[in-house]
Amino acid sequence: MSRGERIESTPAGMLQVYGGKFTLFRKIAIRVIDAVIKKHPDGCRFKKRPDPEPHLYGGELSSRDELLAAVSSHHAVSLETSSYLMGAYGTYYQAVIDCADCDAERLKPLTPLGYPLLAEVIYAVRNEHASHLSDFMLRRTRLAHGPYRESLPLIEAVAKQMGAELKWGPEETQKECEAYREEIGTEGQRHKAR
């Protein structure tokens, strides 16, 4: 399917969107709103698209530098980790820090990349409904696409923390590790075939 979006109107007047990239959903949505306003100027509550555009999830940051300084001074979190958390979670950085439950080890990066933190694993389970190791490694973070995708210490640390949250036994934890490795192996084979 094409990655370029197409907006069409049906004979009944319904707008349909084809193609597009998920990462451009806001721009596509703006084009759809503009198309609705243009097609139905009298039946639309707005004569133009409302401004300002709403913030993205966690994007209500005022002064990032002031917040970084405040986070680093009030928590056992380095400036680099604070910067990473704000970049990844926006204003929800505090919820991730809170998931550490005052355990400084959960706020230390598990790789030289500066992420992930065990607190992120807990946050993903409690707040983002991650229920499998693959959910965290592939769908909540970019870890499965980076240099530590096959790192056994990382995989085991994440699986152990998820297991503690989800009450997995040793066998289920092992099965999650195997399922993740199988999934990235299959995904890797698909990329090589292209």
N, C-alpha and C. Protein backbone atom coordinates (compact mmCIF):
# COMPACT_ATOMS: atom_id res chain seq x y z
N MET A 1 0.84 -1.17 0.00
CA MET A 1 0.00 0.00 0.00
C MET A 1 0.89 1.24 0.00
N SER A 2 0.45 2.24 -0.68
CA SER A 2 1.21 3.47 -0.78
C SER A 2 1.37 4.13 0.58
N ARG A 3 2.50 4.75 0.80
CA ARG A 3 2.73 5.49 2.05
C ARG A 3 2.30 6.93 1.91
N GLY A 4 1.99 7.36 0.68
CA GLY A 4 1.47 8.70 0.46
C GLY A 4 -0.04 8.68 0.67
N GLU A 5 -0.56 9.64 1.46
CA GLU A 5 -1.99 9.58 1.74
C GLU A 5 -2.81 10.17 0.60
N ARG A 6 -4.05 9.71 0.51
CA ARG A 6 -5.00 10.20 -0.48
C ARG A 6 -6.32 10.41 0.24
N ILE A 7 -6.91 11.57 0.09
CA ILE A 7 -8.21 11.88 0.70
C ILE A 7 -9.22 11.98 -0.43
N GLU A 8 -10.25 11.14 -0.36
CA GLU A 8 -11.27 11.13 -1.40
C GLU A 8 -12.65 11.24 -0.79
N SER A 9 -13.58 11.73 -1.57
CA SER A 9 -14.96 11.85 -1.13
C SER A 9 -15.80 10.82 -1.87
N THR A 10 -16.67 10.11 -1.13
CA THR A 10 -17.57 9.14 -1.76
C THR A 10 -18.76 9.89 -2.35
N PRO A 11 -19.54 9.23 -3.22
CA PRO A 11 -20.75 9.89 -3.76
C PRO A 11 -21.71 10.36 -2.66
N ALA A 12 -21.71 9.67 -1.53
CA ALA A 12 -22.59 10.06 -0.42
C ALA A 12 -22.00 11.21 0.40
N GLY A 13 -20.77 11.61 0.10
CA GLY A 13 -20.16 12.75 0.79
C GLY A 13 -19.25 12.39 1.95
N MET A 14 -18.99 11.10 2.15
CA MET A 14 -18.09 10.70 3.23
C MET A 14 -16.64 10.82 2.75
N LEU A 15 -15.79 11.37 3.60
CA LEU A 15 -14.37 11.46 3.27
C LEU A 15 -13.66 10.19 3.70
N GLN A 16 -12.79 9.69 2.83
CA GLN A 16 -12.01 8.50 3.12
C GLN A 16 -10.53 8.83 2.96
N VAL A 17 -9.73 8.28 3.86
CA VAL A 17 -8.28 8.50 3.81
C VAL A 17 -7.63 7.16 3.49
N TYR A 18 -6.76 7.15 2.50
CA TYR A 18 -6.03 5.95 2.10
C TYR A 18 -4.55 6.19 2.28
N GLY A 19 -3.83 5.13 2.66
CA GLY A 19 -2.38 5.21 2.75
C GLY A 19 -1.93 6.08 3.90
N GLY A 20 -0.78 6.69 3.74
CA GLY A 20 -0.22 7.55 4.78
C GLY A 20 0.69 6.78 5.71
N LYS A 21 1.42 7.55 6.50
CA LYS A 21 2.33 6.97 7.49
C LYS A 21 1.81 7.32 8.87
N PHE A 22 1.90 6.37 9.78
CA PHE A 22 1.44 6.60 11.15
C PHE A 22 2.13 7.82 11.76
N THR A 23 3.40 8.00 11.47
CA THR A 23 4.14 9.11 12.08
C THR A 23 3.67 10.48 11.58
N LEU A 24 2.88 10.49 10.51
CA LEU A 24 2.37 11.75 9.97
C LEU A 24 0.88 11.92 10.24
N PHE A 25 0.34 11.19 11.22
CA PHE A 25 -1.10 11.19 11.45
C PHE A 25 -1.65 12.58 11.73
N ARG A 26 -0.89 13.42 12.43
CA ARG A 26 -1.40 14.76 12.73
C ARG A 26 -1.53 15.60 11.46
N LYS A 27 -0.55 15.52 10.58
CA LYS A 27 -0.62 16.30 9.34
C LYS A 27 -1.77 15.81 8.47
N ILE A 28 -1.97 14.50 8.45
CA ILE A 28 -3.08 13.94 7.67
C ILE A 28 -4.41 14.40 8.28
N ALA A 29 -4.51 14.35 9.60
CA ALA A 29 -5.75 14.79 10.27
C ALA A 29 -6.04 16.25 9.97
N ILE A 30 -5.02 17.08 9.92
CA ILE A 30 -5.21 18.50 9.59
C ILE A 30 -5.75 18.64 8.17
N ARG A 31 -5.21 17.85 7.23
CA ARG A 31 -5.71 17.90 5.85
C ARG A 31 -7.17 17.45 5.77
N VAL A 32 -7.52 16.45 6.57
CA VAL A 32 -8.91 15.97 6.58
C VAL A 32 -9.83 17.07 7.14
N ILE A 33 -9.43 17.69 8.25
CA ILE A 33 -10.25 18.78 8.82
C ILE A 33 -10.41 19.91 7.81
N ASP A 34 -9.32 20.28 7.15
CA ASP A 34 -9.40 21.34 6.14
C ASP A 34 -10.33 20.94 4.99
N ALA A 35 -10.28 19.66 4.60
CA ALA A 35 -11.16 19.18 3.52
C ALA A 35 -12.63 19.23 3.94
N VAL A 36 -12.93 18.89 5.20
CA VAL A 36 -14.31 18.95 5.70
C VAL A 36 -14.80 20.39 5.71
N ILE A 37 -13.98 21.29 6.21
CA ILE A 37 -14.36 22.71 6.26
C ILE A 37 -14.60 23.25 4.85
N LYS A 38 -13.74 22.88 3.91
CA LYS A 38 -13.89 23.35 2.53
C LYS A 38 -15.15 22.77 1.88
N LYS A 39 -15.43 21.48 2.14
CA LYS A 39 -16.57 20.81 1.51
C LYS A 39 -17.90 21.25 2.11
N HIS A 40 -17.92 21.54 3.40
CA HIS A 40 -19.16 21.90 4.10
C HIS A 40 -18.97 23.20 4.90
N PRO A 41 -18.71 24.31 4.24
CA PRO A 41 -18.41 25.55 4.97
C PRO A 41 -19.58 26.04 5.84
N ASP A 42 -20.80 25.79 5.43
CA ASP A 42 -21.94 26.28 6.20
C ASP A 42 -22.32 25.33 7.33
N GLY A 43 -22.03 24.06 7.17
CA GLY A 43 -22.42 23.07 8.17
C GLY A 43 -21.33 22.77 9.18
N CYS A 44 -20.27 23.54 9.15
CA CYS A 44 -19.13 23.28 10.03
C CYS A 44 -19.11 24.32 11.15
N ARG A 45 -18.88 23.87 12.37
CA ARG A 45 -18.83 24.77 13.52
C ARG A 45 -17.68 25.77 13.39
N PHE A 46 -16.58 25.34 12.79
CA PHE A 46 -15.42 26.20 12.62
C PHE A 46 -15.29 26.62 11.17
N LYS A 47 -14.92 27.85 10.96
CA LYS A 47 -14.68 28.33 9.60
C LYS A 47 -13.23 28.08 9.19
N LYS A 48 -12.42 27.84 10.19
CA LYS A 48 -11.03 27.45 9.95
C LYS A 48 -10.61 26.50 11.06
N ARG A 49 -9.53 25.82 10.85
CA ARG A 49 -9.03 24.85 11.82
C ARG A 49 -8.69 25.56 13.13
N PRO A 50 -9.14 25.01 14.28
CA PRO A 50 -8.85 25.65 15.57
C PRO A 50 -7.34 25.71 15.85
N ASP A 51 -6.90 26.78 16.42
CA ASP A 51 -5.51 26.95 16.87
C ASP A 51 -5.53 27.34 18.33
N PRO A 52 -4.54 27.12 19.11
CA PRO A 52 -3.36 26.37 18.73
C PRO A 52 -3.66 24.88 18.69
N GLU A 53 -2.81 24.16 17.99
CA GLU A 53 -2.98 22.71 17.91
C GLU A 53 -2.73 22.12 19.30
N PRO A 54 -3.48 21.09 19.65
CA PRO A 54 -3.28 20.48 20.98
C PRO A 54 -1.90 19.85 21.10
N HIS A 55 -1.42 19.79 22.31
CA HIS A 55 -0.14 19.15 22.57
C HIS A 55 -0.25 17.65 22.34
N LEU A 56 0.87 17.06 21.96
CA LEU A 56 0.93 15.60 21.90
C LEU A 56 0.95 15.06 23.31
N TYR A 57 0.68 13.77 23.47
CA TYR A 57 0.69 13.11 24.77
C TYR A 57 1.97 13.44 25.51
N GLY A 58 1.84 14.06 26.66
CA GLY A 58 3.01 14.42 27.46
C GLY A 58 3.75 15.64 26.96
N GLY A 59 3.20 16.37 25.99
CA GLY A 59 3.92 17.48 25.38
C GLY A 59 3.62 18.84 25.96
N GLU A 60 3.09 18.89 27.17
CA GLU A 60 2.72 20.17 27.77
C GLU A 60 3.88 20.83 28.52
N LEU A 61 5.11 20.59 28.10
CA LEU A 61 6.28 21.15 28.77
C LEU A 61 6.33 22.66 28.56
N SER A 62 6.67 23.38 29.60
CA SER A 62 6.83 24.83 29.45
C SER A 62 8.29 25.11 29.11
N SER A 63 9.12 25.21 30.11
CA SER A 63 10.55 25.42 29.88
C SER A 63 11.27 24.12 30.19
N ARG A 64 11.73 23.45 29.16
CA ARG A 64 12.38 22.15 29.33
C ARG A 64 13.63 22.26 30.19
N ASP A 65 14.41 23.32 30.01
CA ASP A 65 15.64 23.48 30.78
C ASP A 65 15.37 23.62 32.27
N GLU A 66 14.33 24.42 32.63
CA GLU A 66 13.99 24.59 34.04
C GLU A 66 13.51 23.26 34.64
N LEU A 67 12.69 22.54 33.88
CA LEU A 67 12.20 21.25 34.36
C LEU A 67 13.34 20.26 34.53
N LEU A 68 14.28 20.25 33.59
CA LEU A 68 15.44 19.35 33.70
C LEU A 68 16.22 19.62 34.98
N ALA A 69 16.46 20.88 35.25
CA ALA A 69 17.21 21.24 36.45
C ALA A 69 16.45 20.81 37.71
N ALA A 70 15.13 21.03 37.70
CA ALA A 70 14.31 20.67 38.86
C ALA A 70 14.29 19.15 39.07
N VAL A 71 14.12 18.40 38.01
CA VAL A 71 14.07 16.94 38.13
C VAL A 71 15.39 16.41 38.65
N SER A 72 16.49 16.88 38.08
CA SER A 72 17.80 16.39 38.48
C SER A 72 18.12 16.74 39.93
N SER A 73 17.64 17.89 40.41
CA SER A 73 17.97 18.28 41.78
C SER A 73 17.07 17.60 42.81
N HIS A 74 15.89 17.16 42.42
CA HIS A 74 14.95 16.56 43.37
C HIS A 74 14.93 15.04 43.35
N HIS A 75 15.56 14.45 42.40
CA HIS A 75 15.51 13.00 42.27
C HIS A 75 16.93 12.43 42.12
N ALA A 76 17.05 11.15 42.34
CA ALA A 76 18.33 10.47 42.15
C ALA A 76 18.48 10.12 40.67
N VAL A 77 18.34 11.14 39.83
CA VAL A 77 18.37 10.95 38.38
C VAL A 77 19.39 11.91 37.80
N SER A 78 20.27 11.41 36.95
CA SER A 78 21.27 12.27 36.33
C SER A 78 20.61 13.22 35.33
N LEU A 79 21.34 14.25 34.96
CA LEU A 79 20.84 15.20 33.97
C LEU A 79 20.57 14.48 32.64
N GLU A 80 21.45 13.53 32.26
CA GLU A 80 21.27 12.79 31.02
C GLU A 80 19.99 11.94 31.07
N THR A 81 19.76 11.28 32.21
CA THR A 81 18.57 10.45 32.35
C THR A 81 17.32 11.33 32.37
N SER A 82 17.39 12.46 33.05
CA SER A 82 16.26 13.40 33.07
C SER A 82 15.92 13.86 31.66
N SER A 83 16.95 14.20 30.90
CA SER A 83 16.75 14.65 29.52
C SER A 83 16.12 13.55 28.69
N TYR A 84 16.61 12.32 28.85
CA TYR A 84 16.04 11.19 28.12
C TYR A 84 14.57 11.00 28.48
N LEU A 85 14.25 10.99 29.78
CA LEU A 85 12.86 10.77 30.22
C LEU A 85 11.93 11.85 29.68
N MET A 86 12.38 13.10 29.69
CA MET A 86 11.52 14.17 29.15
C MET A 86 11.35 14.05 27.65
N GLY A 87 12.40 13.63 26.97
CA GLY A 87 12.29 13.44 25.53
C GLY A 87 11.37 12.28 25.17
N ALA A 88 11.38 11.24 25.98
CA ALA A 88 10.58 10.05 25.70
C ALA A 88 9.15 10.14 26.24
N TYR A 89 8.97 10.81 27.39
CA TYR A 89 7.67 10.80 28.06
C TYR A 89 7.06 12.18 28.26
N GLY A 90 7.78 13.23 27.89
CA GLY A 90 7.24 14.58 28.07
C GLY A 90 6.91 14.82 29.53
N THR A 91 5.75 15.41 29.77
CA THR A 91 5.35 15.74 31.14
C THR A 91 5.05 14.51 31.98
N TYR A 92 5.02 13.34 31.38
CA TYR A 92 4.77 12.11 32.14
C TYR A 92 6.05 11.51 32.70
N TYR A 93 7.17 12.24 32.59
CA TYR A 93 8.44 11.76 33.13
C TYR A 93 8.30 11.42 34.61
N GLN A 94 7.51 12.22 35.34
CA GLN A 94 7.35 12.01 36.78
C GLN A 94 6.69 10.67 37.07
N ALA A 95 5.74 10.26 36.24
CA ALA A 95 5.07 8.98 36.44
C ALA A 95 6.07 7.82 36.30
N VAL A 96 7.03 7.98 35.37
CA VAL A 96 8.06 6.95 35.21
C VAL A 96 8.96 6.92 36.44
N ILE A 97 9.38 8.09 36.90
CA ILE A 97 10.22 8.17 38.10
C ILE A 97 9.49 7.56 39.30
N ASP A 98 8.19 7.85 39.42
CA ASP A 98 7.41 7.31 40.53
C ASP A 98 7.36 5.78 40.52
N CYS A 99 7.45 5.20 39.33
CA CYS A 99 7.42 3.74 39.22
C CYS A 99 8.66 3.09 39.81
N ALA A 100 9.69 3.87 40.05
CA ALA A 100 10.90 3.32 40.68
C ALA A 100 10.65 3.00 42.15
N ASP A 101 9.58 3.53 42.70
CA ASP A 101 9.23 3.27 44.11
C ASP A 101 10.42 3.50 45.03
N CYS A 102 11.11 4.63 44.83
CA CYS A 102 12.25 5.06 45.65
C CYS A 102 13.45 4.10 45.58
N ASP A 103 13.51 3.24 44.58
CA ASP A 103 14.63 2.33 44.39
C ASP A 103 15.54 2.93 43.32
N ALA A 104 16.68 3.47 43.74
CA ALA A 104 17.59 4.16 42.82
C ALA A 104 18.08 3.24 41.69
N GLU A 105 18.17 1.92 41.94
CA GLU A 105 18.61 0.98 40.91
C GLU A 105 17.65 0.97 39.71
N ARG A 106 16.40 1.22 39.96
CA ARG A 106 15.40 1.23 38.89
C ARG A 106 15.48 2.48 38.02
N LEU A 107 16.31 3.44 38.43
CA LEU A 107 16.48 4.67 37.66
C LEU A 107 17.83 4.73 36.95
N LYS A 108 18.55 3.61 36.95
CA LYS A 108 19.84 3.55 36.26
C LYS A 108 19.64 2.90 34.90
N PRO A 109 20.28 3.46 33.87
CA PRO A 109 20.17 2.87 32.53
C PRO A 109 20.72 1.44 32.48
N LEU A 110 20.06 0.60 31.73
CA LEU A 110 20.48 -0.81 31.59
C LEU A 110 21.47 -1.00 30.44
N THR A 111 21.67 0.02 29.61
CA THR A 111 22.63 -0.06 28.50
C THR A 111 23.43 1.24 28.44
N PRO A 112 24.54 1.26 27.74
CA PRO A 112 25.30 2.49 27.55
C PRO A 112 24.54 3.55 26.73
N LEU A 113 23.43 3.16 26.12
CA LEU A 113 22.62 4.12 25.37
C LEU A 113 21.97 5.16 26.29
N GLY A 114 21.87 4.84 27.57
CA GLY A 114 21.20 5.73 28.52
C GLY A 114 19.77 5.29 28.79
N TYR A 115 19.36 4.23 28.20
CA TYR A 115 18.02 3.66 28.40
C TYR A 115 18.07 2.20 28.01
N PRO A 116 17.10 1.41 28.40
CA PRO A 116 15.93 1.72 29.21
C PRO A 116 16.27 1.69 30.70
N LEU A 117 15.31 2.11 31.50
CA LEU A 117 15.39 2.03 32.94
C LEU A 117 14.38 0.98 33.40
N LEU A 118 14.65 0.33 34.50
CA LEU A 118 13.67 -0.63 35.02
C LEU A 118 12.36 0.08 35.35
N ALA A 119 12.44 1.35 35.74
CA ALA A 119 11.22 2.13 36.01
C ALA A 119 10.35 2.23 34.76
N GLU A 120 10.98 2.27 33.58
CA GLU A 120 10.20 2.31 32.33
C GLU A 120 9.45 1.01 32.10
N VAL A 121 10.08 -0.10 32.48
CA VAL A 121 9.43 -1.40 32.33
C VAL A 121 8.18 -1.43 33.20
N ILE A 122 8.32 -0.97 34.44
CA ILE A 122 7.19 -0.94 35.36
C ILE A 122 6.11 -0.01 34.82
N TYR A 123 6.51 1.16 34.34
CA TYR A 123 5.55 2.12 33.77
C TYR A 123 4.80 1.49 32.60
N ALA A 124 5.52 0.79 31.73
CA ALA A 124 4.89 0.17 30.56
C ALA A 124 3.84 -0.85 30.98
N VAL A 125 4.12 -1.61 32.01
CA VAL A 125 3.17 -2.62 32.49
C VAL A 125 1.97 -1.94 33.16
N ARG A 126 2.25 -0.99 34.05
CA ARG A 126 1.18 -0.38 34.84
C ARG A 126 0.34 0.62 34.05
N ASN A 127 0.96 1.32 33.11
CA ASN A 127 0.26 2.42 32.45
C ASN A 127 0.00 2.23 30.96
N GLU A 128 0.79 1.38 30.31
CA GLU A 128 0.66 1.20 28.86
C GLU A 128 0.22 -0.21 28.49
N HIS A 129 -0.17 -0.99 29.46
CA HIS A 129 -0.72 -2.34 29.27
C HIS A 129 0.23 -3.30 28.56
N ALA A 130 1.52 -3.14 28.75
CA ALA A 130 2.48 -4.12 28.21
C ALA A 130 2.31 -5.41 28.98
N SER A 131 2.05 -6.50 28.28
CA SER A 131 1.84 -7.76 28.98
C SER A 131 2.78 -8.86 28.52
N HIS A 132 3.62 -8.55 27.54
CA HIS A 132 4.62 -9.50 27.05
C HIS A 132 5.95 -8.78 26.89
N LEU A 133 7.02 -9.52 26.97
CA LEU A 133 8.35 -8.95 26.79
C LEU A 133 8.44 -8.23 25.44
N SER A 134 7.87 -8.83 24.40
CA SER A 134 7.88 -8.20 23.07
C SER A 134 7.16 -6.87 23.06
N ASP A 135 6.11 -6.74 23.88
CA ASP A 135 5.40 -5.46 23.95
C ASP A 135 6.36 -4.35 24.33
N PHE A 136 7.20 -4.61 25.33
CA PHE A 136 8.14 -3.59 25.77
C PHE A 136 9.28 -3.40 24.78
N MET A 137 9.91 -4.48 24.38
CA MET A 137 11.10 -4.40 23.54
C MET A 137 10.80 -3.91 22.12
N LEU A 138 9.65 -4.28 21.57
CA LEU A 138 9.30 -3.94 20.19
C LEU A 138 8.33 -2.78 20.06
N ARG A 139 7.35 -2.71 20.97
CA ARG A 139 6.25 -1.78 20.76
C ARG A 139 6.22 -0.58 21.70
N ARG A 140 6.88 -0.66 22.85
CA ARG A 140 6.90 0.49 23.76
C ARG A 140 8.22 1.24 23.68
N THR A 141 9.25 0.56 23.19
CA THR A 141 10.57 1.18 23.01
C THR A 141 11.12 0.76 21.65
N ARG A 142 12.27 1.30 21.31
CA ARG A 142 12.94 0.92 20.05
C ARG A 142 14.07 -0.07 20.29
N LEU A 143 14.09 -0.68 21.45
CA LEU A 143 15.20 -1.57 21.81
C LEU A 143 15.39 -2.71 20.82
N ALA A 144 14.32 -3.26 20.29
CA ALA A 144 14.43 -4.40 19.38
C ALA A 144 14.98 -4.00 18.02
N HIS A 145 15.16 -2.71 17.81
CA HIS A 145 15.69 -2.23 16.53
C HIS A 145 17.08 -1.64 16.67
N GLY A 146 17.66 -1.77 17.86
CA GLY A 146 18.96 -1.18 18.11
C GLY A 146 20.04 -2.20 18.39
N PRO A 147 21.20 -1.72 18.79
CA PRO A 147 22.35 -2.60 18.98
C PRO A 147 22.23 -3.58 20.13
N TYR A 148 21.30 -3.36 21.06
CA TYR A 148 21.17 -4.25 22.21
C TYR A 148 19.95 -5.17 22.09
N ARG A 149 19.43 -5.30 20.89
CA ARG A 149 18.23 -6.10 20.66
C ARG A 149 18.39 -7.56 21.08
N GLU A 150 19.62 -8.07 20.99
CA GLU A 150 19.87 -9.47 21.35
C GLU A 150 20.70 -9.60 22.62
N SER A 151 20.86 -8.52 23.36
CA SER A 151 21.66 -8.54 24.58
C SER A 151 20.96 -9.37 25.65
N LEU A 152 21.56 -10.50 25.98
CA LEU A 152 20.97 -11.41 26.98
C LEU A 152 20.81 -10.73 28.34
N PRO A 153 21.81 -9.99 28.83
CA PRO A 153 21.62 -9.32 30.13
C PRO A 153 20.43 -8.34 30.10
N LEU A 154 20.27 -7.60 29.01
CA LEU A 154 19.16 -6.66 28.90
C LEU A 154 17.82 -7.40 28.84
N ILE A 155 17.75 -8.39 27.98
CA ILE A 155 16.51 -9.17 27.82
C ILE A 155 16.11 -9.78 29.16
N GLU A 156 17.07 -10.37 29.86
CA GLU A 156 16.76 -11.02 31.13
C GLU A 156 16.36 -10.01 32.21
N ALA A 157 17.01 -8.84 32.24
CA ALA A 157 16.66 -7.82 33.24
C ALA A 157 15.24 -7.30 33.01
N VAL A 158 14.91 -7.04 31.75
CA VAL A 158 13.56 -6.55 31.43
C VAL A 158 12.53 -7.63 31.74
N ALA A 159 12.81 -8.87 31.33
CA ALA A 159 11.88 -9.97 31.57
C ALA A 159 11.68 -10.20 33.07
N LYS A 160 12.75 -10.12 33.84
CA LYS A 160 12.65 -10.31 35.29
C LYS A 160 11.77 -9.25 35.92
N GLN A 161 11.96 -7.97 35.49
CA GLN A 161 11.15 -6.89 36.05
C GLN A 161 9.68 -7.01 35.62
N MET A 162 9.46 -7.35 34.35
CA MET A 162 8.08 -7.56 33.89
C MET A 162 7.45 -8.72 34.64
N GLY A 163 8.22 -9.78 34.83
CA GLY A 163 7.73 -10.94 35.55
C GLY A 163 7.33 -10.61 36.97
N ALA A 164 8.11 -9.75 37.63
CA ALA A 164 7.77 -9.34 39.00
C ALA A 164 6.45 -8.57 39.01
N GLU A 165 6.26 -7.71 38.01
CA GLU A 165 5.02 -6.92 37.92
C GLU A 165 3.82 -7.78 37.57
N LEU A 166 4.03 -8.72 36.64
CA LEU A 166 2.92 -9.52 36.12
C LEU A 166 2.79 -10.88 36.80
N LYS A 167 3.64 -11.11 37.81
CA LYS A 167 3.61 -12.35 38.59
C LYS A 167 3.86 -13.59 37.73
N TRP A 168 4.87 -13.47 36.86
CA TRP A 168 5.28 -14.62 36.07
C TRP A 168 6.15 -15.52 36.95
N GLY A 169 6.05 -16.80 36.72
CA GLY A 169 6.97 -17.75 37.34
C GLY A 169 8.20 -17.87 36.44
N PRO A 170 9.21 -18.63 36.88
CA PRO A 170 10.44 -18.78 36.08
C PRO A 170 10.18 -19.36 34.68
N GLU A 171 9.25 -20.31 34.58
CA GLU A 171 8.97 -20.91 33.25
C GLU A 171 8.35 -19.90 32.31
N GLU A 172 7.39 -19.12 32.82
CA GLU A 172 6.74 -18.11 31.96
C GLU A 172 7.74 -17.03 31.54
N THR A 173 8.61 -16.65 32.46
CA THR A 173 9.64 -15.65 32.14
C THR A 173 10.54 -16.18 31.02
N GLN A 174 10.94 -17.44 31.12
CA GLN A 174 11.77 -18.05 30.08
C GLN A 174 11.04 -18.11 28.75
N LYS A 175 9.76 -18.46 28.78
CA LYS A 175 8.96 -18.52 27.54
C LYS A 175 8.85 -17.14 26.89
N GLU A 176 8.72 -16.10 27.70
CA GLU A 176 8.66 -14.73 27.17
C GLU A 176 9.97 -14.37 26.48
N CYS A 177 11.09 -14.74 27.07
CA CYS A 177 12.40 -14.48 26.46
C CYS A 177 12.52 -15.21 25.12
N GLU A 178 12.12 -16.46 25.10
CA GLU A 178 12.19 -17.26 23.87
C GLU A 178 11.26 -16.69 22.80
N ALA A 179 10.05 -16.30 23.19
CA ALA A 179 9.09 -15.74 22.22
C ALA A 179 9.62 -14.44 21.63
N TYR A 180 10.25 -13.61 22.46
CA TYR A 180 10.83 -12.36 21.97
C TYR A 180 11.95 -12.64 20.98
N ARG A 181 12.87 -13.54 21.35
CA ARG A 181 13.99 -13.86 20.45
C ARG A 181 13.50 -14.44 19.13
N GLU A 182 12.46 -15.25 19.20
CA GLU A 182 11.88 -15.81 17.97
C GLU A 182 11.27 -14.69 17.11
N GLU A 183 10.59 -13.78 17.76
CA GLU A 183 9.95 -12.68 17.02
C GLU A 183 10.98 -11.79 16.34
N ILE A 184 12.06 -11.45 17.02
CA ILE A 184 13.06 -10.59 16.37
C ILE A 184 13.85 -11.37 15.32
N GLY A 185 13.98 -12.68 15.51
CA GLY A 185 14.64 -13.50 14.50
C GLY A 185 13.84 -13.54 13.22
N THR A 186 12.53 -13.70 13.34
CA THR A 186 11.63 -13.72 12.19
C THR A 186 11.63 -12.37 11.51
N GLU A 187 11.59 -11.31 12.32
CA GLU A 187 11.58 -9.96 11.77
C GLU A 187 12.88 -9.69 11.02
N GLY A 188 14.00 -10.14 11.59
CA GLY A 188 15.30 -9.97 10.94
C GLY A 188 15.36 -10.69 9.60
N GLN A 189 14.77 -11.88 9.52
CA GLN A 189 14.75 -12.64 8.28
C GLN A 189 13.95 -11.89 7.19
N ARG A 190 12.83 -11.27 7.62
CA ARG A 190 12.02 -10.51 6.65
C ARG A 190 12.81 -9.34 6.08
N HIS A 191 13.56 -8.62 6.94
CA HIS A 191 14.34 -7.48 6.47
C HIS A 191 15.45 -7.92 5.53
N LYS A 192 16.06 -9.09 5.78
CA LYS A 192 17.14 -9.59 4.91
C LYS A 192 16.58 -9.97 3.55
N ALA A 193 15.34 -10.46 3.52
CA ALA A 193 14.73 -10.91 2.26
C ALA A 193 14.37 -9.74 1.33
N ARG A 194 14.24 -8.54 1.89
CA ARG A 194 13.84 -7.37 1.06
C ARG A 194 14.93 -6.88 0.18
